[in-house]
Amino acid sequence: MIDLFYICAAALAAGFIDAVVGGGGLVQVPALFILFPHFPVSKIIGTNRFASFMGTAVAAYQYGQKVPIPWPTVLYAGAGAGVMSFAGATVSSYIRAEVLKPIILVLMLLIGGYSFFNKTLGQSENLRVLRVQIPIYGLIIGMATGFYNGFVGPGTGSLLVFGFVSVVGFSFLMSSAVSKIINVIADVASLVFFLANDFVDFKIALPMMACNMIGSLVGSRMALLRGNSFVRTMFLVVIFGLILRFGYGILFEK
């Protein structure tokens, strides 16, 4: 019972973080590994995915009520993310992810540094491409982050946000809204596999889902209320968490 309490608390925090800028998996997945070490990896990932997809959907709905969603861009990016996520998972079975961890750590350091020192980044919409080109750039961003999601995983939502802010020129708020809907598309697609193979522990996943949804509701409303500066701050916190996570993995996980 105490384990269920702790995992639900983790799901609540993960829902909040994920709703604002992505990266909730940095909280929820390690908590599952720590509290349920007897679970196989497939059941950990499946339970996490089931617990979080409705929270992401709640956040997507909240953003959709306040932010004008560019649906062609979302659909292009969602399709690209879905296809390349499968490709990334396939490649990961041939190449050890540890080979890429130092490269990813450097990438995170560059993203964090660029975002921290560029104070105006994402504070307002400043398009870097023609509007007619945005869906194509969305497809490219979706494919790149989808491959990363399939190959490595943690922080995919945050990388989506950074992609739309830095490449397209969306604000942090718009980028977070777009990323949530893309995440829902990818999550539902992968969830079919986990459910079909009985990789979800419903006794844990259902209460986690409820807490994740509550956290997501609070997080998305706070993001909408406090705007781009708040989302940017949370983005930097998550990127710092990713840097610590990959740094720890390189130094201590063999």
Protein backbone atom coordinates (compact mmCIF):
# COMPACT_ATOMS: atom_id res chain seq x y z
CA MET A 1 0.00 0.00 0.00
CA ILE A 2 2.83 2.40 0.85
CA ASP A 3 4.41 1.71 -2.56
CA LEU A 4 1.12 2.64 -4.25
CA PHE A 5 1.06 5.92 -2.31
CA TYR A 6 4.60 6.81 -3.42
CA ILE A 7 4.02 5.88 -7.05
CA CYS A 8 0.82 7.94 -7.13
CA ALA A 9 2.72 10.92 -5.69
CA ALA A 10 5.30 10.46 -8.44
CA ALA A 11 2.52 10.28 -11.05
CA LEU A 12 1.03 13.53 -9.72
CA ALA A 13 4.40 15.32 -10.05
CA ALA A 14 5.04 13.75 -13.46
CA GLY A 15 1.65 14.89 -14.75
CA PHE A 16 2.37 18.46 -13.66
CA ILE A 17 5.83 18.56 -15.28
CA ASP A 18 4.70 16.81 -18.44
CA ALA A 19 1.75 19.16 -18.92
CA VAL A 20 3.95 22.23 -18.76
CA VAL A 21 6.87 21.23 -20.95
CA GLY A 22 7.22 17.44 -21.19
CA GLY A 23 9.69 15.24 -19.35
CA GLY A 24 7.33 13.68 -16.81
CA GLY A 25 8.85 10.32 -17.60
CA LEU A 26 12.00 11.48 -15.79
CA VAL A 27 9.97 11.21 -12.58
CA GLN A 28 7.50 8.42 -13.26
CA VAL A 29 9.67 5.77 -14.93
CA PRO A 30 12.52 5.78 -12.36
CA ALA A 31 9.90 5.65 -9.58
CA LEU A 32 8.39 2.52 -11.14
CA PHE A 33 11.80 0.88 -11.43
CA ILE A 34 12.63 1.67 -7.79
CA LEU A 35 9.28 0.68 -6.26
CA PHE A 36 8.59 -2.36 -8.44
CA PRO A 37 12.01 -3.87 -9.21
CA HIS A 38 10.44 -7.29 -9.88
CA PHE A 39 8.60 -5.94 -12.95
CA PRO A 40 10.16 -6.65 -16.36
CA VAL A 41 11.14 -3.56 -18.35
CA SER A 42 8.26 -4.08 -20.79
CA LYS A 43 5.71 -3.96 -17.95
CA ILE A 44 7.35 -0.85 -16.47
CA ILE A 45 7.13 0.97 -19.80
CA GLY A 46 3.62 -0.29 -20.56
CA THR A 47 2.29 0.66 -17.12
CA ASN A 48 3.92 4.08 -17.36
CA ARG A 49 2.50 4.68 -20.83
CA PHE A 50 -1.04 3.69 -19.79
CA ALA A 51 -0.82 5.85 -16.65
CA SER A 52 0.39 8.94 -18.51
CA PHE A 53 -1.49 9.02 -21.82
CA MET A 54 -4.74 10.34 -20.31
CA GLY A 55 -2.83 13.01 -18.41
CA THR A 56 -1.27 14.12 -21.68
CA ALA A 57 -4.72 14.11 -23.28
CA VAL A 58 -6.07 16.33 -20.46
CA ALA A 59 -3.21 18.79 -21.02
CA ALA A 60 -3.77 18.72 -24.79
CA TYR A 61 -7.47 19.51 -24.27
CA GLN A 62 -6.68 22.38 -21.88
CA TYR A 63 -4.20 23.92 -24.32
CA GLY A 64 -6.62 23.40 -27.21
CA GLN A 65 -9.23 25.55 -25.43
CA LYS A 66 -6.88 28.55 -25.19
CA VAL A 67 -4.22 28.17 -27.90
CA PRO A 68 -5.00 28.11 -31.66
CA ILE A 69 -3.65 24.71 -32.74
CA PRO A 70 -2.02 24.49 -36.21
CA TRP A 71 -3.56 21.11 -37.05
CA PRO A 72 -1.71 20.41 -40.34
CA THR A 73 1.60 20.83 -38.49
CA VAL A 74 0.43 18.59 -35.65
CA LEU A 75 -0.71 15.83 -38.00
CA TYR A 76 2.48 15.91 -40.09
CA ALA A 77 4.66 15.87 -36.97
CA GLY A 78 2.54 13.15 -35.32
CA ALA A 79 2.80 10.90 -38.38
CA GLY A 80 6.56 11.46 -38.61
CA ALA A 81 7.03 10.79 -34.89
CA GLY A 82 5.02 7.57 -35.03
CA VAL A 83 6.90 6.09 -37.98
CA MET A 84 10.36 7.09 -36.79
CA SER A 85 9.67 5.96 -33.22
CA PHE A 86 9.16 2.47 -34.59
CA ALA A 87 12.36 2.83 -36.63
CA GLY A 88 14.29 4.02 -33.57
CA ALA A 89 13.08 1.07 -31.52
CA THR A 90 14.16 -1.26 -34.32
CA VAL A 91 17.64 0.29 -34.57
CA SER A 92 18.02 0.13 -30.78
CA SER A 93 17.90 -3.65 -31.02
CA TYR A 94 21.10 -3.58 -33.11
CA ILE A 95 23.03 -0.68 -31.55
CA ARG A 96 23.46 -0.23 -27.81
CA ALA A 97 22.00 3.07 -26.57
CA GLU A 98 25.10 3.50 -24.38
CA VAL A 99 27.09 4.26 -27.52
CA LEU A 100 25.04 7.41 -28.08
CA LYS A 101 24.72 8.58 -24.46
CA PRO A 102 27.82 10.84 -24.51
CA ILE A 103 26.59 12.43 -27.76
CA ILE A 104 23.13 12.98 -26.27
CA LEU A 105 24.67 14.50 -23.13
CA VAL A 106 26.59 17.02 -25.26
CA LEU A 107 23.38 17.76 -27.19
CA MET A 108 21.49 18.43 -23.94
CA LEU A 109 24.29 20.72 -22.70
CA LEU A 110 24.12 22.70 -25.96
CA ILE A 111 20.31 22.93 -25.81
CA GLY A 112 20.38 23.99 -22.17
CA GLY A 113 23.10 26.58 -22.72
CA TYR A 114 21.46 27.99 -25.85
CA SER A 115 18.07 28.28 -24.11
CA PHE A 116 19.50 29.74 -20.90
CA PHE A 117 21.59 32.47 -22.52
CA ASN A 118 19.03 33.37 -25.20
CA LYS A 119 16.59 35.10 -22.85
CA THR A 120 14.09 36.05 -25.56
CA LEU A 121 13.87 32.55 -27.08
CA GLY A 122 10.23 31.44 -27.21
CA GLN A 123 8.88 34.43 -25.28
CA SER A 124 6.73 35.33 -28.29
CA GLU A 125 6.10 33.95 -31.75
CA ASN A 126 8.98 34.82 -34.10
CA LEU A 127 8.62 32.60 -37.14
CA ARG A 128 11.84 31.58 -38.81
CA VAL A 129 10.15 29.90 -41.79
CA LEU A 130 7.26 30.71 -44.10
CA ARG A 131 3.85 29.69 -42.71
CA VAL A 132 3.26 27.41 -45.68
CA GLN A 133 6.49 25.55 -44.81
CA ILE A 134 5.64 24.96 -41.14
CA PRO A 135 3.94 21.54 -41.64
CA ILE A 136 7.05 20.24 -43.47
CA TYR A 137 9.32 21.46 -40.70
CA GLY A 138 6.89 19.88 -38.24
CA LEU A 139 7.29 16.58 -40.07
CA ILE A 140 11.10 16.82 -39.81
CA ILE A 141 10.95 17.70 -36.09
CA GLY A 142 8.49 14.87 -35.48
CA MET A 143 10.69 12.37 -37.29
CA ALA A 144 13.85 13.42 -35.41
CA THR A 145 12.25 13.36 -31.97
CA GLY A 146 10.28 10.21 -32.80
CA PHE A 147 13.49 8.37 -33.64
CA TYR A 148 15.02 9.59 -30.37
CA ASN A 149 11.92 8.42 -28.50
CA GLY A 150 12.15 4.94 -29.98
CA PHE A 151 15.91 4.68 -29.51
CA VAL A 152 16.45 6.29 -26.09
CA GLY A 153 13.23 7.84 -24.76
CA PRO A 154 13.53 10.27 -21.81
CA GLY A 155 12.68 13.91 -22.51
CA THR A 156 11.09 13.46 -25.94
CA GLY A 157 8.35 15.98 -25.15
CA SER A 158 10.91 18.59 -24.09
CA LEU A 159 12.89 18.06 -27.30
CA LEU A 160 9.68 18.53 -29.31
CA VAL A 161 9.11 21.84 -27.51
CA PHE A 162 12.68 22.96 -28.21
CA GLY A 163 12.38 21.95 -31.86
CA PHE A 164 9.28 24.05 -32.47
CA VAL A 165 10.71 27.01 -30.52
CA SER A 166 14.18 27.06 -32.08
CA VAL A 167 13.53 25.80 -35.62
CA VAL A 168 10.03 27.07 -36.42
CA GLY A 169 9.91 30.07 -34.06
CA PHE A 170 6.79 29.21 -32.06
CA SER A 171 6.44 30.58 -28.54
CA PHE A 172 7.07 28.19 -25.65
CA LEU A 173 3.33 28.08 -24.92
CA MET A 174 2.37 27.24 -28.51
CA SER A 175 5.19 24.68 -28.75
CA SER A 176 4.06 22.97 -25.56
CA ALA A 177 0.47 22.82 -26.82
CA VAL A 178 1.52 21.30 -30.15
CA SER A 179 3.85 18.83 -28.43
CA LYS A 180 1.10 17.55 -26.13
CA ILE A 181 -1.14 16.58 -29.05
CA ILE A 182 1.75 14.91 -30.90
CA ASN A 183 2.54 12.99 -27.70
CA VAL A 184 -1.05 11.77 -27.44
CA ILE A 185 -0.93 10.44 -31.01
CA ALA A 186 2.36 8.62 -30.38
CA ASP A 187 1.28 7.32 -26.96
CA VAL A 188 -1.99 5.85 -28.20
CA ALA A 189 -0.22 4.17 -31.13
CA SER A 190 2.35 2.49 -28.87
CA LEU A 191 -0.21 1.66 -26.18
CA VAL A 192 -1.94 -0.75 -28.56
CA PHE A 193 1.21 -2.89 -28.50
CA PHE A 194 1.52 -2.83 -24.69
CA LEU A 195 -2.14 -3.70 -24.13
CA ALA A 196 -2.11 -6.49 -26.73
CA ASN A 197 0.89 -8.11 -25.02
CA ASP A 198 -0.42 -7.73 -21.44
CA PHE A 199 2.36 -5.32 -20.45
CA VAL A 200 0.12 -3.11 -18.26
CA ASP A 201 -0.46 -3.70 -14.53
CA PHE A 202 -3.90 -2.12 -14.12
CA LYS A 203 -3.91 -2.26 -10.29
CA ILE A 204 -1.05 0.22 -10.35
CA ALA A 205 -1.72 1.99 -13.66
CA LEU A 206 -5.31 3.09 -12.93
CA PRO A 207 -4.63 5.01 -9.66
CA MET A 208 -1.47 6.39 -11.28
CA MET A 209 -3.55 7.58 -14.22
CA ALA A 210 -5.95 9.43 -11.92
CA CYS A 211 -3.08 11.22 -10.16
CA ASN A 212 -1.32 11.96 -13.44
CA MET A 213 -4.50 13.55 -14.79
CA ILE A 214 -4.83 15.77 -11.71
CA GLY A 215 -1.21 16.88 -12.01
CA SER A 216 -1.66 17.48 -15.72
CA LEU A 217 -4.77 19.59 -15.16
CA VAL A 218 -3.00 21.77 -12.61
CA GLY A 219 0.18 22.03 -14.73
CA SER A 220 -1.56 22.98 -17.98
CA ARG A 221 -3.74 25.58 -16.26
CA MET A 222 -0.72 27.11 -14.54
CA ALA A 223 1.18 27.23 -17.84
CA LEU A 224 -1.73 28.97 -19.54
CA LEU A 225 -2.11 31.38 -16.62
CA ARG A 226 1.58 32.27 -16.20
CA GLY A 227 2.63 32.11 -19.85
CA ASN A 228 5.88 31.69 -21.74
CA SER A 229 8.30 32.70 -18.96
CA PHE A 230 6.97 29.97 -16.68
CA VAL A 231 7.13 27.36 -19.44
CA ARG A 232 10.70 28.43 -20.29
CA THR A 233 11.75 28.06 -16.65
CA MET A 234 10.24 24.58 -16.42
CA PHE A 235 11.90 23.66 -19.72
CA LEU A 236 15.32 24.58 -18.31
CA VAL A 237 14.62 22.55 -15.15
CA VAL A 238 13.74 19.47 -17.23
CA ILE A 239 16.79 19.87 -19.50
CA PHE A 240 18.98 20.14 -16.39
CA GLY A 241 17.34 16.93 -15.13
CA LEU A 242 18.14 15.21 -18.42
CA ILE A 243 21.77 16.35 -18.21
CA LEU A 244 22.04 14.87 -14.71
CA ARG A 245 20.32 11.67 -15.82
CA PHE A 246 22.61 11.06 -18.80
CA GLY A 247 25.68 12.16 -16.87
CA TYR A 248 24.88 9.67 -14.11
CA GLY A 249 24.27 6.95 -16.68
CA ILE A 250 27.63 7.52 -18.36
CA LEU A 251 29.59 7.62 -15.10
CA PHE A 252 27.89 4.96 -12.98
CA GLU A 253 25.70 2.66 -15.11
CA LYS A 254 27.79 0.01 -16.81
